[in-house]
Amino acid sequence: MAKMSDLIEVFIKELLEDNASEPVEIQRNELAGYFKCAPSQINYVLTTRFSMDKGYRIESQRGGGGSIKIIKMNLSSDDFYSALLQETGDSITVLKAGQMIDLLQEKELISEREDRLMKAAVSDRAIAGPVNLRNEMRAGILKNMILSVCGME
């Protein structure tokens, strides 16, 4: 028998396929009721199987049952790069920056060599300055590299 997480993932992916390129909006509590599980199980599936590194963007609203919009990103569009820039924000950890750089390499948007160079540029060794400001400086560096990769410099 399939695990609950697998069933929820398949269900959401089928919704996405049925709606073609349109985002899917679901209510966390309704979906939890449908699968007879806790809303936290829905959150788990969304965060582990519909993350940015898997090509999805999640927009969540609190209250009212927890409305969630799931967007399958088109990797060849400016929306993908915009989502990466938005995800970077004003501050990013070295771990999260590395994951985003890995995503660019996995999607063959950068080479393995560029992956290593970008990671070196955002490493703690490369960023001199107060510890409390490193994540902010790292975000600025990463954003500039993403802009360069997508040709929006």
N, C-alpha and C. Protein backbone atom coordinates (compact mmCIF):
# COMPACT_ATOMS: atom_id res chain seq x y z
N MET A 1 0.84 -1.19 0.00
CA MET A 1 0.00 0.00 0.00
C MET A 1 0.89 1.25 0.00
N ALA A 2 0.52 2.22 -0.82
CA ALA A 2 1.28 3.46 -0.93
C ALA A 2 1.17 4.27 0.35
N LYS A 3 2.23 5.00 0.64
CA LYS A 3 2.22 5.87 1.81
C LYS A 3 1.29 7.05 1.54
N MET A 4 0.76 7.61 2.61
CA MET A 4 -0.15 8.74 2.52
C MET A 4 0.51 9.90 1.76
N SER A 5 1.77 10.16 2.04
CA SER A 5 2.49 11.25 1.37
C SER A 5 2.51 11.04 -0.14
N ASP A 6 2.73 9.79 -0.57
CA ASP A 6 2.76 9.48 -1.99
C ASP A 6 1.40 9.73 -2.63
N LEU A 7 0.34 9.34 -1.95
CA LEU A 7 -1.02 9.53 -2.47
C LEU A 7 -1.34 11.01 -2.61
N ILE A 8 -0.98 11.79 -1.63
CA ILE A 8 -1.23 13.23 -1.67
C ILE A 8 -0.44 13.86 -2.82
N GLU A 9 0.82 13.46 -2.98
CA GLU A 9 1.65 13.99 -4.06
C GLU A 9 1.03 13.68 -5.42
N VAL A 10 0.63 12.45 -5.64
CA VAL A 10 0.03 12.05 -6.92
C VAL A 10 -1.25 12.84 -7.18
N PHE A 11 -2.05 13.01 -6.16
CA PHE A 11 -3.30 13.76 -6.29
C PHE A 11 -3.03 15.20 -6.73
N ILE A 12 -2.08 15.85 -6.08
CA ILE A 12 -1.75 17.24 -6.42
C ILE A 12 -1.16 17.33 -7.83
N LYS A 13 -0.31 16.39 -8.19
CA LYS A 13 0.28 16.40 -9.53
C LYS A 13 -0.79 16.20 -10.60
N GLU A 14 -1.79 15.37 -10.31
CA GLU A 14 -2.89 15.19 -11.26
C GLU A 14 -3.69 16.48 -11.40
N LEU A 15 -3.90 17.19 -10.30
CA LEU A 15 -4.58 18.48 -10.37
C LEU A 15 -3.80 19.46 -11.25
N LEU A 16 -2.49 19.46 -11.09
CA LEU A 16 -1.64 20.35 -11.88
C LEU A 16 -1.71 19.99 -13.37
N GLU A 17 -1.70 18.70 -13.68
CA GLU A 17 -1.80 18.25 -15.07
C GLU A 17 -3.14 18.63 -15.68
N ASP A 18 -4.21 18.47 -14.91
CA ASP A 18 -5.56 18.79 -15.40
C ASP A 18 -5.72 20.28 -15.69
N ASN A 19 -4.98 21.11 -14.94
CA ASN A 19 -5.09 22.56 -15.11
C ASN A 19 -4.01 23.12 -16.04
N ALA A 20 -3.31 22.24 -16.74
CA ALA A 20 -2.26 22.62 -17.71
C ALA A 20 -1.26 23.57 -17.07
N SER A 21 -1.15 24.78 -17.58
CA SER A 21 -0.14 25.71 -17.09
C SER A 21 -0.66 26.65 -16.02
N GLU A 22 -1.88 26.47 -15.59
CA GLU A 22 -2.48 27.33 -14.57
C GLU A 22 -2.08 26.87 -13.17
N PRO A 23 -1.92 27.81 -12.25
CA PRO A 23 -1.66 27.42 -10.86
C PRO A 23 -2.87 26.70 -10.27
N VAL A 24 -2.61 25.85 -9.29
CA VAL A 24 -3.69 25.14 -8.60
C VAL A 24 -3.82 25.74 -7.21
N GLU A 25 -5.04 26.05 -6.83
CA GLU A 25 -5.29 26.59 -5.51
C GLU A 25 -6.08 25.56 -4.72
N ILE A 26 -5.57 25.23 -3.54
CA ILE A 26 -6.22 24.23 -2.69
C ILE A 26 -6.39 24.79 -1.29
N GLN A 27 -7.29 24.20 -0.54
CA GLN A 27 -7.47 24.52 0.87
C GLN A 27 -6.82 23.39 1.66
N ARG A 28 -5.87 23.73 2.49
CA ARG A 28 -5.14 22.75 3.27
C ARG A 28 -6.09 21.87 4.09
N ASN A 29 -7.04 22.48 4.78
CA ASN A 29 -7.96 21.70 5.64
C ASN A 29 -8.88 20.79 4.82
N GLU A 30 -9.33 21.28 3.67
CA GLU A 30 -10.20 20.44 2.82
C GLU A 30 -9.44 19.22 2.31
N LEU A 31 -8.19 19.45 1.87
CA LEU A 31 -7.38 18.35 1.38
C LEU A 31 -7.08 17.36 2.50
N ALA A 32 -6.80 17.87 3.69
CA ALA A 32 -6.56 17.00 4.84
C ALA A 32 -7.81 16.18 5.16
N GLY A 33 -8.98 16.82 5.06
CA GLY A 33 -10.23 16.09 5.28
C GLY A 33 -10.46 15.01 4.24
N TYR A 34 -10.16 15.30 3.00
CA TYR A 34 -10.32 14.35 1.90
C TYR A 34 -9.46 13.10 2.14
N PHE A 35 -8.22 13.32 2.60
CA PHE A 35 -7.31 12.20 2.83
C PHE A 35 -7.37 11.67 4.26
N LYS A 36 -8.23 12.29 5.09
CA LYS A 36 -8.36 11.88 6.49
C LYS A 36 -6.99 11.86 7.18
N CYS A 37 -6.33 13.02 7.09
CA CYS A 37 -5.02 13.17 7.72
C CYS A 37 -4.95 14.55 8.35
N ALA A 38 -3.89 14.80 9.08
CA ALA A 38 -3.69 16.11 9.71
C ALA A 38 -3.20 17.11 8.66
N PRO A 39 -3.57 18.39 8.81
CA PRO A 39 -3.07 19.41 7.88
C PRO A 39 -1.54 19.46 7.82
N SER A 40 -0.89 19.08 8.90
CA SER A 40 0.58 19.06 8.89
C SER A 40 1.12 18.05 7.88
N GLN A 41 0.36 16.99 7.59
CA GLN A 41 0.77 16.02 6.57
C GLN A 41 0.77 16.68 5.19
N ILE A 42 -0.21 17.55 4.95
CA ILE A 42 -0.28 18.30 3.68
C ILE A 42 0.94 19.23 3.60
N ASN A 43 1.23 19.91 4.69
CA ASN A 43 2.40 20.80 4.73
C ASN A 43 3.68 20.03 4.43
N TYR A 44 3.82 18.85 5.01
CA TYR A 44 5.00 18.03 4.78
C TYR A 44 5.17 17.70 3.30
N VAL A 45 4.09 17.29 2.66
CA VAL A 45 4.15 16.95 1.23
C VAL A 45 4.52 18.18 0.41
N LEU A 46 3.92 19.31 0.73
CA LEU A 46 4.21 20.53 -0.03
C LEU A 46 5.67 20.96 0.11
N THR A 47 6.20 20.89 1.33
CA THR A 47 7.57 21.37 1.54
C THR A 47 8.62 20.39 1.02
N THR A 48 8.32 19.10 0.99
CA THR A 48 9.32 18.13 0.56
C THR A 48 9.21 17.74 -0.91
N ARG A 49 8.02 17.84 -1.48
CA ARG A 49 7.83 17.34 -2.84
C ARG A 49 7.43 18.41 -3.86
N PHE A 50 7.12 19.59 -3.37
CA PHE A 50 6.74 20.69 -4.27
C PHE A 50 7.57 21.93 -3.96
N SER A 51 8.85 21.72 -3.76
CA SER A 51 9.75 22.81 -3.42
C SER A 51 10.33 23.43 -4.69
N MET A 52 11.02 24.54 -4.51
CA MET A 52 11.61 25.23 -5.65
C MET A 52 12.59 24.34 -6.39
N ASP A 53 13.36 23.52 -5.67
CA ASP A 53 14.33 22.67 -6.34
C ASP A 53 13.68 21.57 -7.16
N LYS A 54 12.38 21.37 -6.99
CA LYS A 54 11.65 20.41 -7.79
C LYS A 54 10.86 21.11 -8.92
N GLY A 55 11.02 22.44 -8.99
CA GLY A 55 10.37 23.18 -10.06
C GLY A 55 9.01 23.75 -9.73
N TYR A 56 8.70 23.87 -8.44
CA TYR A 56 7.41 24.40 -8.00
C TYR A 56 7.61 25.62 -7.12
N ARG A 57 6.61 26.46 -7.11
CA ARG A 57 6.58 27.59 -6.17
C ARG A 57 5.26 27.51 -5.42
N ILE A 58 5.33 27.66 -4.11
CA ILE A 58 4.15 27.60 -3.25
C ILE A 58 3.89 28.99 -2.69
N GLU A 59 2.65 29.43 -2.84
CA GLU A 59 2.22 30.68 -2.20
C GLU A 59 1.15 30.29 -1.19
N SER A 60 1.37 30.68 0.04
CA SER A 60 0.50 30.25 1.12
C SER A 60 -0.15 31.45 1.79
N GLN A 61 -1.43 31.28 2.14
CA GLN A 61 -2.14 32.30 2.89
C GLN A 61 -2.60 31.68 4.20
N ARG A 62 -2.40 32.41 5.26
CA ARG A 62 -2.82 31.93 6.58
C ARG A 62 -4.31 32.20 6.78
N GLY A 63 -4.89 31.45 7.67
CA GLY A 63 -6.29 31.65 8.03
C GLY A 63 -7.24 31.07 7.00
N GLY A 64 -8.49 30.94 7.39
CA GLY A 64 -9.53 30.47 6.48
C GLY A 64 -9.26 29.09 5.90
N GLY A 65 -8.63 28.22 6.65
CA GLY A 65 -8.37 26.87 6.17
C GLY A 65 -7.04 26.74 5.46
N GLY A 66 -6.32 27.81 5.35
CA GLY A 66 -4.99 27.75 4.76
C GLY A 66 -5.00 27.56 3.26
N SER A 67 -5.34 28.60 2.52
CA SER A 67 -5.34 28.54 1.07
C SER A 67 -3.90 28.47 0.56
N ILE A 68 -3.67 27.56 -0.38
CA ILE A 68 -2.33 27.35 -0.92
C ILE A 68 -2.41 27.35 -2.44
N LYS A 69 -1.53 28.12 -3.07
CA LYS A 69 -1.44 28.14 -4.53
C LYS A 69 -0.14 27.44 -4.91
N ILE A 70 -0.26 26.44 -5.80
CA ILE A 70 0.89 25.68 -6.27
C ILE A 70 1.11 26.04 -7.73
N ILE A 71 2.33 26.48 -8.03
CA ILE A 71 2.65 26.92 -9.37
C ILE A 71 3.81 26.08 -9.90
N LYS A 72 3.60 25.43 -11.03
CA LYS A 72 4.69 24.70 -11.68
C LYS A 72 5.43 25.70 -12.54
N MET A 73 6.71 25.88 -12.23
CA MET A 73 7.50 26.90 -12.92
C MET A 73 7.99 26.39 -14.27
N ASN A 74 7.94 27.26 -15.24
CA ASN A 74 8.50 27.00 -16.55
C ASN A 74 9.97 27.41 -16.47
N LEU A 75 10.87 26.45 -16.54
CA LEU A 75 12.28 26.71 -16.31
C LEU A 75 12.92 27.59 -17.37
N SER A 76 12.26 27.76 -18.50
CA SER A 76 12.85 28.58 -19.55
C SER A 76 12.33 30.02 -19.50
N SER A 77 11.51 30.32 -18.55
CA SER A 77 10.91 31.66 -18.52
C SER A 77 11.59 32.57 -17.50
N ASP A 78 11.35 33.84 -17.68
CA ASP A 78 11.86 34.83 -16.73
C ASP A 78 11.22 34.64 -15.36
N ASP A 79 10.04 34.01 -15.32
CA ASP A 79 9.36 33.77 -14.04
C ASP A 79 10.21 32.89 -13.12
N PHE A 80 10.92 31.93 -13.71
CA PHE A 80 11.76 31.05 -12.92
C PHE A 80 12.87 31.85 -12.25
N TYR A 81 13.53 32.71 -13.03
CA TYR A 81 14.60 33.53 -12.47
C TYR A 81 14.04 34.52 -11.45
N SER A 82 12.88 35.07 -11.74
CA SER A 82 12.25 35.99 -10.78
C SER A 82 11.95 35.28 -9.47
N ALA A 83 11.49 34.02 -9.57
CA ALA A 83 11.20 33.24 -8.36
C ALA A 83 12.49 32.99 -7.57
N LEU A 84 13.59 32.71 -8.26
CA LEU A 84 14.86 32.51 -7.58
C LEU A 84 15.29 33.79 -6.86
N LEU A 85 15.14 34.92 -7.54
CA LEU A 85 15.50 36.20 -6.93
C LEU A 85 14.64 36.49 -5.71
N GLN A 86 13.35 36.20 -5.84
CA GLN A 86 12.43 36.42 -4.72
C GLN A 86 12.77 35.50 -3.56
N GLU A 87 13.08 34.25 -3.87
CA GLU A 87 13.43 33.27 -2.84
C GLU A 87 14.72 33.67 -2.12
N THR A 88 15.64 34.29 -2.84
CA THR A 88 16.89 34.74 -2.24
C THR A 88 16.62 35.80 -1.18
N GLY A 89 15.73 36.72 -1.48
CA GLY A 89 15.38 37.76 -0.52
C GLY A 89 16.54 38.68 -0.20
N ASP A 90 16.49 39.29 0.97
CA ASP A 90 17.53 40.23 1.39
C ASP A 90 18.64 39.56 2.18
N SER A 91 18.44 38.29 2.52
CA SER A 91 19.39 37.56 3.34
C SER A 91 19.24 36.07 3.04
N ILE A 92 20.38 35.39 2.89
CA ILE A 92 20.31 33.95 2.60
C ILE A 92 21.50 33.24 3.24
N THR A 93 21.26 32.05 3.75
CA THR A 93 22.33 31.26 4.37
C THR A 93 23.18 30.62 3.28
N VAL A 94 24.36 30.19 3.66
CA VAL A 94 25.25 29.52 2.71
C VAL A 94 24.62 28.21 2.23
N LEU A 95 23.91 27.50 3.10
CA LEU A 95 23.26 26.25 2.74
C LEU A 95 22.17 26.48 1.69
N LYS A 96 21.30 27.44 1.94
CA LYS A 96 20.19 27.73 1.01
C LYS A 96 20.74 28.25 -0.32
N ALA A 97 21.77 29.08 -0.28
CA ALA A 97 22.38 29.58 -1.52
C ALA A 97 22.94 28.41 -2.33
N GLY A 98 23.59 27.48 -1.65
CA GLY A 98 24.13 26.29 -2.32
C GLY A 98 23.05 25.46 -2.98
N GLN A 99 21.90 25.32 -2.30
CA GLN A 99 20.79 24.56 -2.87
C GLN A 99 20.25 25.24 -4.13
N MET A 100 20.18 26.56 -4.11
CA MET A 100 19.68 27.28 -5.29
C MET A 100 20.67 27.17 -6.45
N ILE A 101 21.95 27.22 -6.14
CA ILE A 101 22.97 27.07 -7.19
C ILE A 101 22.92 25.65 -7.75
N ASP A 102 22.74 24.65 -6.88
CA ASP A 102 22.59 23.27 -7.35
C ASP A 102 21.40 23.13 -8.29
N LEU A 103 20.32 23.82 -7.99
CA LEU A 103 19.13 23.78 -8.84
C LEU A 103 19.46 24.30 -10.24
N LEU A 104 20.20 25.40 -10.30
CA LEU A 104 20.60 25.94 -11.60
C LEU A 104 21.42 24.93 -12.39
N GLN A 105 22.29 24.21 -11.70
CA GLN A 105 23.13 23.22 -12.37
C GLN A 105 22.32 21.99 -12.77
N GLU A 106 21.43 21.53 -11.88
CA GLU A 106 20.59 20.37 -12.19
C GLU A 106 19.71 20.63 -13.40
N LYS A 107 19.25 21.85 -13.54
CA LYS A 107 18.39 22.21 -14.67
C LYS A 107 19.21 22.60 -15.90
N GLU A 108 20.53 22.39 -15.81
CA GLU A 108 21.47 22.64 -16.89
C GLU A 108 21.46 24.09 -17.37
N LEU A 109 21.24 25.00 -16.43
CA LEU A 109 21.29 26.42 -16.73
C LEU A 109 22.69 26.98 -16.48
N ILE A 110 23.48 26.24 -15.69
CA ILE A 110 24.89 26.54 -15.50
C ILE A 110 25.67 25.23 -15.56
N SER A 111 26.96 25.33 -15.81
CA SER A 111 27.81 24.14 -15.86
C SER A 111 28.24 23.72 -14.45
N GLU A 112 28.83 22.56 -14.37
CA GLU A 112 29.35 22.09 -13.08
C GLU A 112 30.45 23.04 -12.57
N ARG A 113 31.25 23.53 -13.49
CA ARG A 113 32.31 24.47 -13.12
C ARG A 113 31.72 25.77 -12.58
N GLU A 114 30.71 26.28 -13.25
CA GLU A 114 30.05 27.51 -12.78
C GLU A 114 29.41 27.29 -11.41
N ASP A 115 28.86 26.10 -11.20
CA ASP A 115 28.30 25.73 -9.91
C ASP A 115 29.34 25.90 -8.81
N ARG A 116 30.53 25.33 -9.04
CA ARG A 116 31.60 25.41 -8.04
C ARG A 116 32.06 26.86 -7.83
N LEU A 117 32.19 27.61 -8.91
CA LEU A 117 32.61 29.00 -8.80
C LEU A 117 31.59 29.84 -8.03
N MET A 118 30.30 29.64 -8.33
CA MET A 118 29.26 30.40 -7.64
C MET A 118 29.24 30.06 -6.15
N LYS A 119 29.39 28.79 -5.83
CA LYS A 119 29.42 28.38 -4.43
C LYS A 119 30.63 28.98 -3.71
N ALA A 120 31.75 29.02 -4.40
CA ALA A 120 32.95 29.62 -3.80
C ALA A 120 32.71 31.11 -3.52
N ALA A 121 32.02 31.78 -4.43
CA ALA A 121 31.77 33.22 -4.28
C ALA A 121 30.83 33.54 -3.11
N VAL A 122 29.94 32.62 -2.77
CA VAL A 122 29.00 32.89 -1.68
C VAL A 122 29.38 32.19 -0.38
N SER A 123 30.56 31.56 -0.36
CA SER A 123 30.99 30.86 0.85
C SER A 123 31.37 31.85 1.94
N ASP A 124 31.36 31.38 3.17
CA ASP A 124 31.76 32.21 4.31
C ASP A 124 33.22 32.64 4.19
N ARG A 125 34.06 31.80 3.58
CA ARG A 125 35.48 32.15 3.40
C ARG A 125 35.64 33.34 2.47
N ALA A 126 34.77 33.45 1.46
CA ALA A 126 34.90 34.52 0.47
C ALA A 126 34.29 35.84 0.94
N ILE A 127 33.37 35.75 1.86
CA ILE A 127 32.67 36.96 2.31
C ILE A 127 33.27 37.44 3.62
N ALA A 128 34.06 38.49 3.50
CA ALA A 128 34.68 39.08 4.69
C ALA A 128 33.72 40.11 5.25
N GLY A 129 33.61 40.14 6.52
CA GLY A 129 32.74 41.11 7.16
C GLY A 129 32.14 40.53 8.41
N PRO A 130 31.39 41.35 9.11
CA PRO A 130 30.76 40.89 10.35
C PRO A 130 29.82 39.71 10.09
N VAL A 131 29.84 38.76 10.97
CA VAL A 131 29.03 37.55 10.82
C VAL A 131 27.55 37.89 10.62
N ASN A 132 27.05 38.90 11.32
CA ASN A 132 25.63 39.23 11.23
C ASN A 132 25.26 39.86 9.88
N LEU A 133 26.24 40.25 9.07
CA LEU A 133 25.95 40.85 7.76
C LEU A 133 26.27 39.92 6.59
N ARG A 134 26.89 38.80 6.84
CA ARG A 134 27.30 37.89 5.76
C ARG A 134 26.12 37.40 4.92
N ASN A 135 25.02 37.03 5.57
CA ASN A 135 23.87 36.52 4.81
C ASN A 135 23.27 37.59 3.90
N GLU A 136 23.32 38.84 4.35
CA GLU A 136 22.84 39.93 3.50
C GLU A 136 23.77 40.14 2.31
N MET A 137 25.07 40.12 2.56
CA MET A 137 26.03 40.28 1.46
C MET A 137 25.93 39.10 0.50
N ARG A 138 25.75 37.90 1.04
CA ARG A 138 25.62 36.69 0.23
C ARG A 138 24.41 36.81 -0.70
N ALA A 139 23.30 37.33 -0.19
CA ALA A 139 22.09 37.49 -1.00
C ALA A 139 22.35 38.44 -2.17
N GLY A 140 23.04 39.53 -1.92
CA GLY A 140 23.35 40.47 -2.99
C GLY A 140 24.23 39.84 -4.07
N ILE A 141 25.23 39.09 -3.64
CA ILE A 141 26.13 38.41 -4.58
C ILE A 141 25.35 37.39 -5.40
N LEU A 142 24.54 36.57 -4.74
CA LEU A 142 23.78 35.53 -5.43
C LEU A 142 22.80 36.15 -6.42
N LYS A 143 22.11 37.21 -6.02
CA LYS A 143 21.17 37.87 -6.94
C LYS A 143 21.88 38.36 -8.19
N ASN A 144 23.06 38.96 -8.02
CA ASN A 144 23.81 39.44 -9.18
C ASN A 144 24.23 38.30 -10.09
N MET A 145 24.61 37.16 -9.51
CA MET A 145 24.99 36.02 -10.33
C MET A 145 23.78 35.46 -11.08
N ILE A 146 22.62 35.39 -10.42
CA ILE A 146 21.41 34.91 -11.09
C ILE A 146 21.05 35.84 -12.24
N LEU A 147 21.12 37.15 -12.00
CA LEU A 147 20.82 38.12 -13.06
C LEU A 147 21.78 37.93 -14.24
N SER A 148 23.03 37.66 -13.95
CA SER A 148 24.02 37.45 -15.00
C SER A 148 23.72 36.18 -15.80
N VAL A 149 23.37 35.10 -15.10
CA VAL A 149 23.07 33.83 -15.74
C VAL A 149 21.86 33.95 -16.67
N CYS A 150 20.86 34.68 -16.23
CA CYS A 150 19.64 34.78 -17.04
C CYS A 150 19.70 35.92 -18.05
N GLY A 151 20.82 36.64 -18.10
CA GLY A 151 20.98 37.68 -19.09
C GLY A 151 20.23 38.96 -18.80
N MET A 152 19.94 39.21 -17.53
CA MET A 152 19.18 40.40 -17.15
C MET A 152 20.08 41.42 -16.45
N GLU A 153 21.39 41.28 -16.60
CA GLU A 153 22.32 42.15 -15.88
C GLU A 153 22.25 43.58 -16.28
